[in-house]
N, C-alpha and C. Protein backbone atom coordinates (compact mmCIF):
# COMPACT_ATOMS: atom_id res chain seq x y z
N MET A 1 0.50 6.74 29.59
CA MET A 1 0.94 6.58 28.22
C MET A 1 -0.13 7.16 27.30
N LYS A 2 0.32 7.76 26.22
CA LYS A 2 -0.60 8.35 25.26
C LYS A 2 -0.34 7.76 23.88
N LEU A 3 -1.42 7.41 23.19
CA LEU A 3 -1.34 6.82 21.86
C LEU A 3 -1.73 7.85 20.82
N TYR A 4 -0.85 8.06 19.83
CA TYR A 4 -1.09 9.02 18.76
C TYR A 4 -1.01 8.31 17.41
N ARG A 5 -1.65 8.88 16.41
CA ARG A 5 -1.39 8.49 15.04
C ARG A 5 -0.03 9.08 14.69
N SER A 6 0.80 8.30 14.04
CA SER A 6 2.16 8.74 13.78
C SER A 6 2.22 9.72 12.61
N ASN A 7 3.09 10.70 12.72
CA ASN A 7 3.34 11.61 11.60
C ASN A 7 4.48 11.07 10.74
N ASN A 8 5.13 10.03 11.19
CA ASN A 8 6.18 9.36 10.43
C ASN A 8 5.51 8.39 9.46
N PRO A 9 5.76 8.50 8.15
CA PRO A 9 5.06 7.63 7.19
C PRO A 9 5.43 6.16 7.29
N ASP A 10 6.49 5.83 8.04
CA ASP A 10 6.91 4.44 8.17
C ASP A 10 6.20 3.69 9.29
N TYR A 11 5.43 4.42 10.12
CA TYR A 11 4.77 3.79 11.27
C TYR A 11 3.32 4.24 11.36
N LEU A 12 2.50 3.37 11.93
CA LEU A 12 1.07 3.65 12.08
C LEU A 12 0.77 4.46 13.33
N TYR A 13 1.38 4.10 14.45
CA TYR A 13 1.12 4.75 15.73
C TYR A 13 2.41 5.15 16.43
N ALA A 14 2.27 6.07 17.37
CA ALA A 14 3.36 6.46 18.26
C ALA A 14 2.82 6.47 19.68
N MET A 15 3.55 5.84 20.59
CA MET A 15 3.17 5.80 21.99
C MET A 15 4.12 6.70 22.76
N LYS A 16 3.56 7.66 23.48
CA LYS A 16 4.38 8.56 24.28
C LYS A 16 4.46 8.01 25.70
N ILE A 17 5.68 7.69 26.11
CA ILE A 17 5.94 7.19 27.46
C ILE A 17 6.91 8.16 28.10
N ARG A 18 6.40 8.87 29.10
CA ARG A 18 7.13 9.98 29.73
C ARG A 18 7.52 10.98 28.65
N ASP A 19 8.79 11.12 28.34
CA ASP A 19 9.21 12.08 27.31
C ASP A 19 9.71 11.41 26.04
N GLU A 20 9.59 10.10 25.95
CA GLU A 20 10.07 9.37 24.78
C GLU A 20 8.90 8.85 23.96
N PHE A 21 9.16 8.66 22.67
CA PHE A 21 8.16 8.11 21.77
C PHE A 21 8.62 6.75 21.26
N VAL A 22 7.68 5.81 21.23
CA VAL A 22 7.93 4.49 20.66
C VAL A 22 7.01 4.38 19.45
N TYR A 23 7.60 4.24 18.27
CA TYR A 23 6.83 4.12 17.03
C TYR A 23 6.63 2.65 16.71
N PHE A 24 5.42 2.29 16.29
CA PHE A 24 5.15 0.89 15.96
C PHE A 24 4.03 0.79 14.94
N GLY A 25 3.97 -0.37 14.30
CA GLY A 25 2.91 -0.67 13.33
C GLY A 25 3.26 -0.24 11.93
N ASP A 26 3.20 -1.18 11.01
CA ASP A 26 3.43 -0.88 9.60
C ASP A 26 2.13 -0.34 9.00
N PRO A 27 2.14 0.86 8.43
CA PRO A 27 0.88 1.42 7.91
C PRO A 27 0.31 0.65 6.72
N TRP A 28 1.12 -0.16 6.06
CA TRP A 28 0.66 -0.90 4.89
C TRP A 28 0.32 -2.36 5.22
N ALA A 29 0.55 -2.77 6.46
CA ALA A 29 0.30 -4.17 6.83
C ALA A 29 -1.15 -4.38 7.25
N LEU A 30 -1.62 -5.56 7.01
CA LEU A 30 -2.95 -5.96 7.44
C LEU A 30 -2.85 -6.40 8.89
N ASN A 31 -3.67 -5.82 9.76
CA ASN A 31 -3.68 -6.22 11.16
C ASN A 31 -5.12 -6.48 11.60
N MET A 32 -5.30 -6.91 12.85
CA MET A 32 -6.64 -7.26 13.33
C MET A 32 -7.57 -6.05 13.35
N ASN A 33 -7.05 -4.87 13.59
CA ASN A 33 -7.90 -3.68 13.68
C ASN A 33 -8.50 -3.30 12.33
N ASN A 34 -7.67 -3.25 11.29
CA ASN A 34 -8.22 -2.83 10.00
C ASN A 34 -8.85 -3.98 9.22
N SER A 35 -8.55 -5.23 9.55
CA SER A 35 -9.19 -6.34 8.84
C SER A 35 -10.60 -6.60 9.36
N ASN A 36 -10.96 -6.00 10.49
CA ASN A 36 -12.29 -6.19 11.06
C ASN A 36 -13.21 -4.98 10.81
N ASP A 37 -12.71 -3.97 10.15
CA ASP A 37 -13.48 -2.75 9.90
C ASP A 37 -14.13 -2.82 8.52
N ARG A 38 -15.45 -2.85 8.49
CA ARG A 38 -16.18 -2.97 7.22
C ARG A 38 -15.96 -1.78 6.28
N ARG A 39 -15.57 -0.65 6.83
CA ARG A 39 -15.38 0.55 6.01
C ARG A 39 -14.07 0.51 5.23
N LYS A 40 -13.16 -0.37 5.59
CA LYS A 40 -11.85 -0.44 4.93
C LYS A 40 -11.90 -1.44 3.78
N ARG A 41 -11.03 -1.21 2.81
CA ARG A 41 -10.99 -2.11 1.66
C ARG A 41 -10.35 -3.46 1.99
N VAL A 42 -9.66 -3.55 3.10
CA VAL A 42 -8.98 -4.79 3.47
C VAL A 42 -9.81 -5.64 4.42
N TYR A 43 -11.09 -5.37 4.53
CA TYR A 43 -11.98 -6.08 5.44
C TYR A 43 -12.01 -7.57 5.12
N LEU A 44 -11.82 -8.40 6.15
CA LEU A 44 -11.93 -9.85 6.02
C LEU A 44 -13.22 -10.29 6.72
N PRO A 45 -14.27 -10.64 5.97
CA PRO A 45 -15.55 -10.96 6.59
C PRO A 45 -15.52 -12.27 7.39
N ASN A 46 -14.63 -13.17 7.05
CA ASN A 46 -14.57 -14.46 7.72
C ASN A 46 -13.67 -14.36 8.96
N LYS A 47 -14.21 -14.67 10.13
CA LYS A 47 -13.44 -14.57 11.37
C LYS A 47 -12.26 -15.54 11.39
N ASP A 48 -12.40 -16.69 10.74
CA ASP A 48 -11.30 -17.65 10.68
C ASP A 48 -10.09 -17.07 9.95
N ASP A 49 -10.34 -16.27 8.92
CA ASP A 49 -9.24 -15.61 8.20
C ASP A 49 -8.52 -14.61 9.11
N ARG A 50 -9.29 -13.90 9.93
CA ARG A 50 -8.67 -12.95 10.86
C ARG A 50 -7.84 -13.67 11.92
N LEU A 51 -8.34 -14.82 12.39
CA LEU A 51 -7.59 -15.61 13.37
C LEU A 51 -6.31 -16.20 12.75
N LYS A 52 -6.37 -16.57 11.47
CA LYS A 52 -5.17 -17.04 10.78
C LYS A 52 -4.15 -15.91 10.67
N LEU A 53 -4.62 -14.70 10.44
CA LEU A 53 -3.74 -13.53 10.38
C LEU A 53 -3.02 -13.35 11.71
N ARG A 54 -3.74 -13.46 12.81
CA ARG A 54 -3.13 -13.33 14.13
C ARG A 54 -2.11 -14.44 14.38
N ALA A 55 -2.47 -15.67 14.03
CA ALA A 55 -1.55 -16.81 14.23
C ALA A 55 -0.29 -16.66 13.39
N GLU A 56 -0.44 -16.14 12.18
CA GLU A 56 0.72 -15.92 11.32
C GLU A 56 1.66 -14.88 11.93
N TYR A 57 1.09 -13.80 12.47
CA TYR A 57 1.92 -12.78 13.11
C TYR A 57 2.64 -13.36 14.33
N GLU A 58 1.92 -14.11 15.15
CA GLU A 58 2.52 -14.68 16.35
C GLU A 58 3.64 -15.66 16.03
N SER A 59 3.53 -16.36 14.90
CA SER A 59 4.58 -17.30 14.52
C SER A 59 5.85 -16.59 14.04
N LEU A 60 5.72 -15.34 13.60
CA LEU A 60 6.87 -14.61 13.09
C LEU A 60 7.72 -13.96 14.18
N VAL A 61 7.12 -13.64 15.32
CA VAL A 61 7.83 -12.92 16.37
C VAL A 61 8.12 -13.85 17.53
N ASP A 62 9.35 -13.82 18.01
CA ASP A 62 9.78 -14.65 19.13
C ASP A 62 9.11 -14.17 20.42
N GLU A 63 8.63 -15.10 21.23
CA GLU A 63 7.93 -14.76 22.49
C GLU A 63 8.80 -13.97 23.45
N SER A 64 10.10 -14.15 23.42
CA SER A 64 10.99 -13.45 24.36
C SER A 64 11.02 -11.94 24.09
N ARG A 65 10.56 -11.51 22.95
CA ARG A 65 10.57 -10.07 22.63
C ARG A 65 9.42 -9.33 23.32
N TYR A 66 8.49 -10.08 23.95
CA TYR A 66 7.39 -9.47 24.68
C TYR A 66 7.73 -9.32 26.16
N SER A 67 8.99 -9.15 26.48
CA SER A 67 9.44 -9.18 27.87
C SER A 67 8.98 -7.96 28.68
N SER A 68 8.82 -6.83 28.05
CA SER A 68 8.45 -5.61 28.76
C SER A 68 7.17 -5.02 28.18
N PHE A 69 6.40 -4.37 29.03
CA PHE A 69 5.12 -3.82 28.58
C PHE A 69 5.28 -2.58 27.70
N ASN A 70 6.47 -1.97 27.66
CA ASN A 70 6.63 -0.73 26.90
C ASN A 70 7.59 -0.87 25.72
N LYS A 71 7.65 -2.03 25.11
CA LYS A 71 8.47 -2.25 23.93
C LYS A 71 7.62 -2.27 22.67
N LYS A 72 8.25 -1.98 21.56
CA LYS A 72 7.57 -1.92 20.26
C LYS A 72 6.84 -3.22 19.94
N GLU A 73 7.50 -4.35 20.14
CA GLU A 73 6.90 -5.64 19.82
C GLU A 73 5.67 -5.93 20.68
N THR A 74 5.73 -5.52 21.94
CA THR A 74 4.60 -5.73 22.83
C THR A 74 3.41 -4.89 22.39
N PHE A 75 3.66 -3.64 22.00
CA PHE A 75 2.57 -2.78 21.51
C PHE A 75 1.94 -3.37 20.26
N GLU A 76 2.77 -3.83 19.32
CA GLU A 76 2.23 -4.41 18.09
C GLU A 76 1.40 -5.64 18.39
N ARG A 77 1.91 -6.52 19.23
CA ARG A 77 1.21 -7.77 19.53
C ARG A 77 -0.11 -7.53 20.24
N TYR A 78 -0.08 -6.70 21.28
CA TYR A 78 -1.28 -6.57 22.11
C TYR A 78 -2.23 -5.45 21.69
N LEU A 79 -1.79 -4.52 20.84
CA LEU A 79 -2.69 -3.47 20.38
C LEU A 79 -3.17 -3.69 18.95
N LEU A 80 -2.32 -4.24 18.09
CA LEU A 80 -2.70 -4.41 16.69
C LEU A 80 -3.19 -5.81 16.33
N TYR A 81 -2.70 -6.83 17.03
CA TYR A 81 -3.03 -8.21 16.65
C TYR A 81 -3.73 -8.99 17.76
N ASN A 82 -4.26 -8.33 18.75
CA ASN A 82 -4.84 -9.03 19.88
C ASN A 82 -6.35 -9.21 19.75
N LYS A 83 -7.07 -8.13 19.66
CA LYS A 83 -8.53 -8.16 19.58
C LYS A 83 -8.99 -7.60 18.24
N ASP A 84 -10.31 -7.59 18.03
CA ASP A 84 -10.84 -7.17 16.74
C ASP A 84 -10.84 -5.66 16.52
N ASN A 85 -10.73 -4.86 17.59
CA ASN A 85 -10.66 -3.41 17.40
C ASN A 85 -9.71 -2.81 18.42
N LEU A 86 -9.33 -1.59 18.19
CA LEU A 86 -8.31 -0.94 19.02
C LEU A 86 -8.79 -0.72 20.44
N LYS A 87 -10.03 -0.35 20.62
CA LYS A 87 -10.54 -0.09 21.97
C LYS A 87 -10.52 -1.35 22.83
N ALA A 88 -10.95 -2.47 22.26
CA ALA A 88 -10.92 -3.74 22.99
C ALA A 88 -9.49 -4.17 23.29
N SER A 89 -8.59 -3.92 22.36
CA SER A 89 -7.18 -4.25 22.56
C SER A 89 -6.57 -3.42 23.68
N ILE A 90 -6.92 -2.14 23.74
CA ILE A 90 -6.41 -1.27 24.81
C ILE A 90 -6.96 -1.71 26.16
N ASN A 91 -8.23 -2.07 26.22
CA ASN A 91 -8.80 -2.56 27.48
C ASN A 91 -8.10 -3.84 27.93
N ASP A 92 -7.82 -4.75 27.01
CA ASP A 92 -7.11 -5.98 27.36
C ASP A 92 -5.68 -5.68 27.81
N TYR A 93 -5.03 -4.75 27.14
CA TYR A 93 -3.66 -4.35 27.50
C TYR A 93 -3.64 -3.79 28.93
N THR A 94 -4.62 -2.97 29.26
CA THR A 94 -4.70 -2.38 30.60
C THR A 94 -4.91 -3.46 31.65
N LYS A 95 -5.77 -4.42 31.39
CA LYS A 95 -5.98 -5.52 32.32
C LYS A 95 -4.73 -6.38 32.47
N ARG A 96 -4.06 -6.63 31.36
CA ARG A 96 -2.91 -7.52 31.35
C ARG A 96 -1.69 -6.91 32.05
N PHE A 97 -1.41 -5.64 31.77
CA PHE A 97 -0.19 -5.00 32.27
C PHE A 97 -0.43 -3.94 33.34
N GLY A 98 -1.66 -3.51 33.52
CA GLY A 98 -1.95 -2.48 34.50
C GLY A 98 -1.49 -1.10 34.08
N ALA A 99 -1.27 -0.89 32.81
CA ALA A 99 -0.82 0.40 32.28
C ALA A 99 -1.98 1.03 31.50
N TYR A 100 -2.36 2.24 31.87
CA TYR A 100 -3.47 2.94 31.23
C TYR A 100 -2.97 3.65 29.98
N ILE A 101 -3.72 3.52 28.88
CA ILE A 101 -3.38 4.17 27.62
C ILE A 101 -4.49 5.14 27.26
N LYS A 102 -4.13 6.38 27.00
CA LYS A 102 -5.09 7.40 26.56
C LYS A 102 -4.92 7.59 25.06
N ILE A 103 -6.03 7.52 24.33
CA ILE A 103 -6.00 7.74 22.88
C ILE A 103 -6.12 9.23 22.62
N CYS A 104 -5.15 9.78 21.91
CA CYS A 104 -5.16 11.19 21.54
C CYS A 104 -5.60 11.30 20.10
N LYS A 105 -6.57 12.14 19.82
CA LYS A 105 -7.17 12.26 18.50
C LYS A 105 -6.25 12.92 17.47
N ASP A 106 -5.39 13.82 17.91
CA ASP A 106 -4.55 14.54 16.96
C ASP A 106 -3.32 13.73 16.61
N LYS A 107 -2.78 14.04 15.42
CA LYS A 107 -1.55 13.40 14.99
C LYS A 107 -0.39 14.00 15.74
N LEU A 108 0.66 13.24 15.82
CA LEU A 108 1.86 13.69 16.50
C LEU A 108 2.55 14.82 15.74
């Protein structure tokens, strides 16, 4: 699987699985990755606030929607709201599902 920055303005990322693309992530939403980055204007310095953000997201999405490792909801949950940065989230995703994700630097 390959992870790209999305060229679609409605989504943050695109995951290429075989020949199909799965678009996910709201570019205007606050998530764990951008709330932990000091360079961004949406930085939340308090870790408790970031954990509340994660809990709020988890309360909004039904657990049954995480049924498959290659669905939009699963990517959002485990890549955007799981760990404090994208690299750590990808490592956790690989351990959890056994699926390797390659980050591609260029936009789709």
